[in-house]
Amino acid sequence: MISHVVLLKPRTDLTDAERRVFIDAFEQAVRRIPTVRGVRLGRRVRIGARYEQTTPDAADFLGMIDFDDADGLQTYLRHPAHVELGARFGQVVSSGMVYDFEIGGIESLTRWLVP
């Protein structure tokens, strides 16, 4: 499985209309693109842990979109609904980071970290 991980901090001056357009674009992309296998969203919480003091304040939200494989992710990235989402993303974020990860269980750790 491949997870497309998006961390974002929205602009503080977003209007309700801008928020709605972005949300609509996201919903359209994940519903219309057939290679999407799952979507998980998160909102950052702060619990008073020490690492929070040294972590950059670069993201308030997390989106994880899952695909069977890299081909499924590529299909998603090239789809017109994603192109629209990407345009909206650029308009609403003050900070954004996007990463793609191969996902596995605990047994994967040895394979990934031991040469």
Protein backbone atom coordinates (compact mmCIF):
# COMPACT_ATOMS: atom_id res chain seq x y z
CA MET A 1 0.00 0.00 0.00
CA ILE A 2 1.09 3.57 -0.71
CA SER A 3 -0.11 6.45 1.47
CA HIS A 4 -0.10 9.98 0.10
CA VAL A 5 0.44 12.09 3.22
CA VAL A 6 -0.43 15.78 3.20
CA LEU A 7 0.31 18.10 6.12
CA LEU A 8 -1.16 21.57 5.90
CA LYS A 9 -1.70 24.79 7.75
CA PRO A 10 -4.47 26.89 6.21
CA ARG A 11 -4.04 30.62 5.74
CA THR A 12 -5.48 32.51 8.68
CA ASP A 13 -7.40 34.91 6.42
CA LEU A 14 -9.40 32.28 4.51
CA THR A 15 -13.01 33.15 3.83
CA ASP A 16 -15.79 30.65 4.36
CA ALA A 17 -16.24 30.52 0.58
CA GLU A 18 -12.55 29.65 0.04
CA ARG A 19 -12.76 26.92 2.66
CA ARG A 20 -15.86 25.47 1.01
CA VAL A 21 -14.28 25.46 -2.46
CA PHE A 22 -11.25 23.60 -1.10
CA ILE A 23 -13.37 21.06 0.79
CA ASP A 24 -15.52 20.48 -2.30
CA ALA A 25 -12.44 19.94 -4.48
CA PHE A 26 -11.05 17.44 -1.96
CA GLU A 27 -14.32 15.53 -1.72
CA GLN A 28 -14.65 15.41 -5.51
CA ALA A 29 -11.10 14.09 -5.92
CA VAL A 30 -11.36 11.27 -3.40
CA ARG A 31 -14.82 10.24 -4.60
CA ARG A 32 -14.28 10.46 -8.37
CA ILE A 33 -10.81 8.92 -8.67
CA PRO A 34 -11.25 5.15 -8.68
CA THR A 35 -7.78 4.24 -7.41
CA VAL A 36 -8.38 5.84 -3.98
CA ARG A 37 -8.68 3.00 -1.44
CA GLY A 38 -9.07 4.97 1.74
CA VAL A 39 -8.97 8.44 3.24
CA ARG A 40 -8.01 9.41 6.77
CA LEU A 41 -8.04 12.96 8.06
CA GLY A 42 -6.68 14.40 11.26
CA ARG A 43 -6.54 17.62 13.18
CA ARG A 44 -3.44 18.37 15.22
CA VAL A 45 -3.82 18.08 18.97
CA ARG A 46 -1.42 19.31 21.58
CA ILE A 47 -1.11 17.28 24.77
CA GLY A 48 1.78 19.04 26.49
CA ALA A 49 4.47 16.57 25.35
CA ARG A 50 8.06 17.82 25.33
CA TYR A 51 8.49 17.25 21.59
CA GLU A 52 5.76 19.80 20.90
CA GLN A 53 8.10 22.56 22.11
CA THR A 54 10.66 21.81 19.39
CA THR A 55 8.38 20.73 16.54
CA PRO A 56 7.85 23.42 13.88
CA ASP A 57 4.34 24.86 13.83
CA ALA A 58 3.93 23.94 10.15
CA ALA A 59 0.74 21.87 10.09
CA ASP A 60 -2.70 21.89 11.68
CA PHE A 61 -4.24 19.14 9.54
CA LEU A 62 -3.25 15.77 8.12
CA GLY A 63 -4.70 13.98 5.14
CA MET A 64 -3.72 10.41 4.24
CA ILE A 65 -4.99 8.98 0.99
CA ASP A 66 -4.29 5.29 0.43
CA PHE A 67 -3.65 3.45 -2.84
CA ASP A 68 -2.92 -0.17 -3.70
CA ASP A 69 0.34 0.76 -5.38
CA ALA A 70 2.39 3.52 -7.02
CA ASP A 71 0.42 3.18 -10.26
CA GLY A 72 -2.78 3.98 -8.36
CA LEU A 73 -1.14 7.04 -6.86
CA GLN A 74 0.08 8.16 -10.29
CA THR A 75 -3.46 7.77 -11.67
CA TYR A 76 -4.72 9.96 -8.84
CA LEU A 77 -2.06 12.62 -9.39
CA ARG A 78 -2.82 12.88 -13.13
CA HIS A 79 -6.62 12.92 -12.77
CA PRO A 80 -8.34 16.27 -13.57
CA ALA A 81 -10.07 16.23 -10.16
CA HIS A 82 -6.66 16.12 -8.48
CA VAL A 83 -5.31 18.86 -10.72
CA GLU A 84 -8.21 21.03 -9.50
CA LEU A 85 -7.52 20.04 -5.89
CA GLY A 86 -3.85 20.93 -6.30
CA ALA A 87 -4.76 24.39 -7.58
CA ARG A 88 -7.06 24.95 -4.58
CA PHE A 89 -4.42 23.60 -2.19
CA GLY A 90 -1.98 26.24 -3.36
CA GLN A 91 -4.57 28.94 -2.72
CA VAL A 92 -5.53 27.97 0.84
CA VAL A 93 -2.32 26.95 2.60
CA SER A 94 0.20 29.04 4.43
CA SER A 95 2.32 25.90 4.88
CA GLY A 96 2.07 22.52 3.23
CA MET A 97 4.14 19.35 2.93
CA VAL A 98 3.37 16.28 0.85
CA TYR A 99 5.06 12.88 1.14
CA ASP A 100 4.38 9.40 -0.20
CA PHE A 101 5.04 6.34 1.94
CA GLU A 102 5.10 2.60 1.38
CA ILE A 103 3.04 1.20 4.25
CA GLY A 104 3.67 -2.12 5.99
CA GLY A 105 3.40 -3.80 9.36
CA ILE A 106 6.00 -4.13 12.09
CA GLU A 107 7.76 -6.82 10.05
CA SER A 108 8.61 -4.18 7.43
CA LEU A 109 10.92 -2.30 9.79
CA THR A 110 13.72 -4.84 9.46
CA ARG A 111 13.41 -4.89 5.67
CA TRP A 112 13.52 -1.09 5.46
CA LEU A 113 16.27 -0.42 8.02
CA VAL A 114 18.64 -3.37 7.72
CA PRO A 115 20.73 -3.46 4.52
